[in-house]
Protein backbone atom coordinates (compact mmCIF):
# COMPACT_ATOMS: atom_id res chain seq x y z
CA MET A 1 10.63 2.59 13.47
CA ALA A 2 11.14 -1.18 14.86
CA ILE A 3 14.47 -2.87 16.28
CA LEU A 4 15.06 -6.23 16.59
CA ILE A 5 17.56 -7.37 19.47
CA VAL A 6 18.97 -11.17 18.63
CA ASP A 7 21.21 -12.19 21.10
CA ASP A 8 21.29 -15.15 23.56
CA SER A 9 22.08 -12.89 26.51
CA PRO A 10 19.19 -11.50 28.72
CA ASP A 11 21.55 -8.92 30.67
CA GLN A 12 22.74 -7.64 26.51
CA HIS A 13 19.02 -7.44 25.95
CA LEU A 14 18.08 -5.34 28.86
CA LEU A 15 21.21 -3.19 28.09
CA LEU A 16 20.60 -2.35 24.63
CA ARG A 17 16.67 -2.08 25.49
CA SER A 18 17.50 0.62 28.12
CA LEU A 19 19.91 2.67 26.02
CA LEU A 20 17.60 2.62 22.98
CA THR A 21 14.84 3.74 24.97
CA LYS A 22 16.22 6.39 26.52
CA ALA A 23 17.22 7.89 23.26
CA GLY A 24 13.39 7.70 22.38
CA HIS A 25 13.42 4.21 19.90
CA GLY A 26 10.08 2.85 21.92
CA ASP A 27 9.44 0.17 19.38
CA ILE A 28 11.73 -2.59 20.55
CA LEU A 29 11.78 -6.34 19.61
CA THR A 30 13.78 -9.27 20.98
CA ALA A 31 15.05 -12.54 19.76
CA GLU A 32 16.84 -14.94 22.28
CA SER A 33 18.43 -17.25 18.95
CA ALA A 34 18.69 -16.93 15.14
CA LYS A 35 15.84 -19.11 15.04
CA ALA A 36 13.45 -17.08 17.26
CA ALA A 37 14.51 -13.97 14.95
CA PHE A 38 13.66 -15.93 12.04
CA ALA A 39 10.21 -16.46 13.16
CA THR A 40 9.64 -13.17 14.02
CA LEU A 41 11.27 -11.95 10.84
CA ASN A 42 8.66 -14.46 9.09
CA LEU A 43 11.87 -15.76 7.26
CA GLU A 44 10.17 -18.52 4.94
CA GLY A 45 7.35 -16.22 3.83
CA THR A 46 6.96 -13.50 1.21
CA ALA A 47 6.08 -10.45 4.01
CA LEU A 48 7.30 -9.36 6.86
CA SER A 49 4.73 -11.10 9.90
CA ALA A 50 5.89 -8.02 12.15
CA PRO A 51 7.86 -4.43 11.21
CA VAL A 52 10.96 -4.45 11.60
CA ASP A 53 13.52 -1.35 10.28
CA LEU A 54 16.77 -2.41 12.07
CA ILE A 55 18.73 -5.90 13.42
CA LEU A 56 21.07 -5.83 16.28
CA MET A 57 22.77 -9.13 15.39
CA ASP A 58 25.20 -10.73 18.14
CA VAL A 59 28.02 -12.71 16.33
CA LEU A 60 28.35 -15.61 19.01
CA MET A 61 25.34 -17.21 19.32
CA PRO A 62 24.87 -21.24 19.88
CA GLU A 63 23.44 -23.20 17.24
CA LEU A 64 23.33 -20.57 14.56
CA ASP A 65 25.98 -17.73 14.71
CA GLY A 66 25.17 -14.16 13.69
CA VAL A 67 27.20 -14.21 10.44
CA SER A 68 25.21 -16.95 9.01
CA ALA A 69 22.07 -15.91 10.63
CA CYS A 70 22.68 -12.62 8.68
CA ARG A 71 23.33 -14.38 5.48
CA GLN A 72 20.07 -16.20 5.75
CA VAL A 73 18.16 -12.74 6.58
CA LYS A 74 19.78 -11.21 3.66
CA SER A 75 18.79 -14.39 1.18
CA ALA A 76 15.09 -13.75 1.42
CA SER A 77 13.69 -11.17 -0.70
CA HIS A 78 11.40 -9.13 1.62
CA LEU A 79 14.28 -9.15 4.39
CA ARG A 80 16.77 -7.89 1.95
CA ASP A 81 16.41 -3.84 2.90
CA ILE A 82 16.45 -4.11 6.49
CA PRO A 83 19.96 -2.85 7.81
CA ILE A 84 21.60 -5.31 9.92
CA ILE A 85 24.48 -4.43 12.89
CA MET A 86 26.83 -7.24 14.19
CA VAL A 87 27.05 -6.75 17.81
CA THR A 88 30.90 -8.45 18.33
CA ALA A 89 33.28 -8.88 21.29
CA LYS A 90 36.79 -7.51 20.58
CA ASN A 91 37.98 -10.88 19.41
CA ASP A 92 35.33 -11.55 16.86
CA LEU A 93 36.76 -8.92 14.63
CA SER A 94 38.05 -11.85 12.20
CA ASN A 95 34.21 -12.42 11.31
CA LEU A 96 33.56 -8.98 10.38
CA LYS A 97 34.92 -9.52 6.75
CA GLU A 98 32.68 -12.40 6.64
CA ALA A 99 29.84 -10.58 8.32
CA PHE A 100 30.22 -7.74 5.27
CA ALA A 101 30.09 -10.39 2.80
CA ALA A 102 26.84 -11.64 4.39
CA GLY A 103 25.29 -8.22 3.88
CA ALA A 104 25.77 -6.52 7.22
CA THR A 105 25.78 -2.77 7.13
CA ASP A 106 27.61 -1.99 10.03
CA TYR A 107 29.01 -3.16 13.64
CA ILE A 108 29.60 -2.44 16.96
CA ASN A 109 31.94 -3.77 20.00
CA LYS A 110 30.97 -5.25 22.97
CA PRO A 111 31.00 -3.76 25.65
CA VAL A 112 28.98 -1.30 24.06
CA ASN A 113 29.45 2.27 24.14
CA SER A 114 25.89 4.23 24.29
CA VAL A 115 27.10 7.05 21.92
CA GLU A 116 28.55 5.07 19.42
CA LEU A 117 25.50 2.53 19.38
CA LEU A 118 22.86 5.38 19.15
CA ALA A 119 25.50 6.81 16.34
CA ARG A 120 25.55 3.56 14.50
CA VAL A 121 21.63 3.03 15.32
CA SER A 122 20.48 6.41 13.76
CA SER A 123 22.58 6.09 10.49
CA ALA A 124 21.13 2.75 9.86
CA LEU A 125 17.41 3.82 10.77
CA ALA A 126 18.28 6.94 7.96
CA LEU A 127 19.43 4.60 5.41
CA LYS A 128 16.33 2.42 5.62
CA HIS A 129 14.22 5.26 5.43
CA GLU A 130 15.58 6.78 2.60
CA MET A 131 15.20 2.83 0.79
CA ASP A 132 11.64 2.72 1.99
CA CYS A 133 10.97 6.20 0.26
CA ARG A 134 13.04 5.03 -3.22
CA LYS A 135 11.10 1.70 -2.92
CA GLU A 136 7.60 3.83 -2.74
CA ARG A 137 8.80 6.26 -5.79
CA GLU A 138 9.57 2.96 -7.97
CA ILE A 139 6.41 1.45 -7.10
CA GLU A 140 4.41 4.55 -8.07
CA LEU A 141 6.84 5.30 -11.25
CA GLN A 142 5.90 1.47 -12.16
CA ARG A 143 2.17 2.03 -11.31
CA SER A 144 2.04 5.54 -13.44
CA ASN A 145 3.94 3.61 -16.79
CA GLU A 146 1.20 0.76 -16.40
CA GLU A 147 -1.63 3.46 -16.52
CA LEU A 148 0.18 5.19 -19.01
CA GLN A 149 0.20 1.79 -21.09
CA ARG A 150 -3.20 1.08 -20.28
CA ALA A 151 -4.22 4.59 -21.36
CA LEU A 152 -2.30 4.22 -25.04
CA LYS A 153 -3.93 1.21 -25.97
CA GLU A 154 -7.17 2.59 -25.39
CA VAL A 155 -6.33 5.70 -27.76
CA LYS A 156 -7.61 5.25 -31.02
CA VAL A 157 -5.16 5.32 -33.67
CA LEU A 158 -5.79 5.61 -37.83
CA ARG A 159 -3.56 2.83 -39.69
CA GLY A 160 -3.95 1.45 -43.02
CA LEU A 161 -5.21 2.81 -46.40
CA ILE A 162 -8.46 5.01 -46.19
CA PRO A 163 -10.33 5.74 -49.24
CA ILE A 164 -11.01 9.47 -49.98
CA CYS A 165 -13.08 11.30 -52.86
CA ALA A 166 -10.71 13.41 -54.71
CA SER A 167 -13.08 15.90 -55.40
CA CYS A 168 -15.13 16.69 -52.08
CA LYS A 169 -12.78 14.75 -49.88
CA LYS A 170 -15.22 12.25 -48.41
CA ILE A 171 -14.22 9.44 -46.91
CA ARG A 172 -15.79 5.84 -47.34
CA ASN A 173 -16.12 4.59 -44.12
CA ASP A 174 -16.10 0.77 -43.38
CA GLY A 175 -19.66 0.32 -43.99
CA GLY A 176 -19.23 1.99 -47.62
CA PHE A 177 -20.36 4.83 -46.99
CA TRP A 178 -19.23 8.22 -47.98
CA GLN A 179 -18.41 10.24 -44.54
CA GLN A 180 -17.59 13.73 -44.07
CA LEU A 181 -13.78 13.74 -42.98
CA GLU A 182 -14.07 15.30 -39.84
CA GLU A 183 -17.22 13.00 -38.85
CA TYR A 184 -14.57 10.40 -39.73
CA LEU A 185 -12.02 11.68 -37.86
CA CYS A 186 -13.73 12.19 -35.03
CA ASP A 187 -15.13 8.65 -34.91
CA HIS A 188 -11.89 6.93 -35.20
CA SER A 189 -9.51 9.22 -33.27
CA GLU A 190 -9.51 11.74 -30.02
CA ALA A 191 -9.10 14.40 -32.27
CA GLU A 192 -11.55 17.75 -32.24
CA PHE A 193 -12.29 20.42 -34.38
CA SER A 194 -12.97 24.03 -34.02
CA HIS A 195 -14.40 24.84 -37.44
CA GLY A 196 -13.31 28.13 -39.33
CA LEU A 197 -12.65 29.65 -43.01
CA CYS A 198 -9.19 29.86 -44.21
CA GLN A 199 -8.29 33.26 -46.21
CA PRO A 200 -8.77 31.71 -49.88
CA CYS A 201 -12.17 29.84 -48.94
CA VAL A 202 -13.26 33.55 -47.73
CA LYS A 203 -12.09 35.14 -50.76
CA LYS A 204 -14.07 32.65 -52.89
CA LEU A 205 -16.91 32.82 -50.82
CA TYR A 206 -17.10 36.48 -49.65
CA PRO A 207 -15.45 38.27 -52.63
CA GLY A 208 -16.10 41.78 -51.27
CA VAL A 209 -14.35 41.30 -47.97
CA TYR A 210 -10.79 41.09 -49.97
CA PRO A 211 -10.22 43.49 -52.23
CA ASP A 212 -7.86 42.61 -55.46
C-alpha cells in the first residue's frame, strides 16, 4: 500500500522513508509542499493520478500549512477515504483539534519515534484496507441491484381484464382468437407447465380406476 510523505524538510523525508522501508513498506512517495502533494493526488481531478493509501502530513509548512492542506484533501470526493496522519512538533499540539476537525485520522510527534510511527501507520493502513473492501462490497451490491431491476423489467406480467370462456376456459388473446389457457400463460409469462390429471378428472375419464 502506498504512503505519501508531505514535508518541507529533506531530512524528515529521509528519516520517515528509512523507517518505513525497514518495516517493509516499499511504496513511498514524497512531496516537499502541500502544492506538490496536491499535484501527486490530482486534487483538482476526479481520480487519483497515483495510488495513495496513507498521507503523513507535516503540520508546519511554508505557503500552506498541513491543517489547511488536510482540509482541502478531505474536501475532494476521490480523496476523502485516504487516512491522514499529522506529523507535529510538540509545540504544535494546539493545532491538533483543528486538524481533527479538518479530517485528520491520527497524529505523531516530532522527533518521530519508530515504534509509534509504525504502530500508527499500521493501524491507518488497516483502516484504509477495510474502507476499500467496504466500498467494493457497496459497488457490487449496487451492481447486483441494478441487474435485478433490469431483470424485473424484462419479466412478463399479466395485468388487466382477461376474457375467458366460462365453459371451456379458453382465453381470447389480443388478436381476438380463442387460445388454450396454458398456451396463453406461456406466451404472456415465464410460467412452464407439467401436465397431469387431477383425481376428479381421473374418476370422470377412467371410472374403473377408483371404485365408488
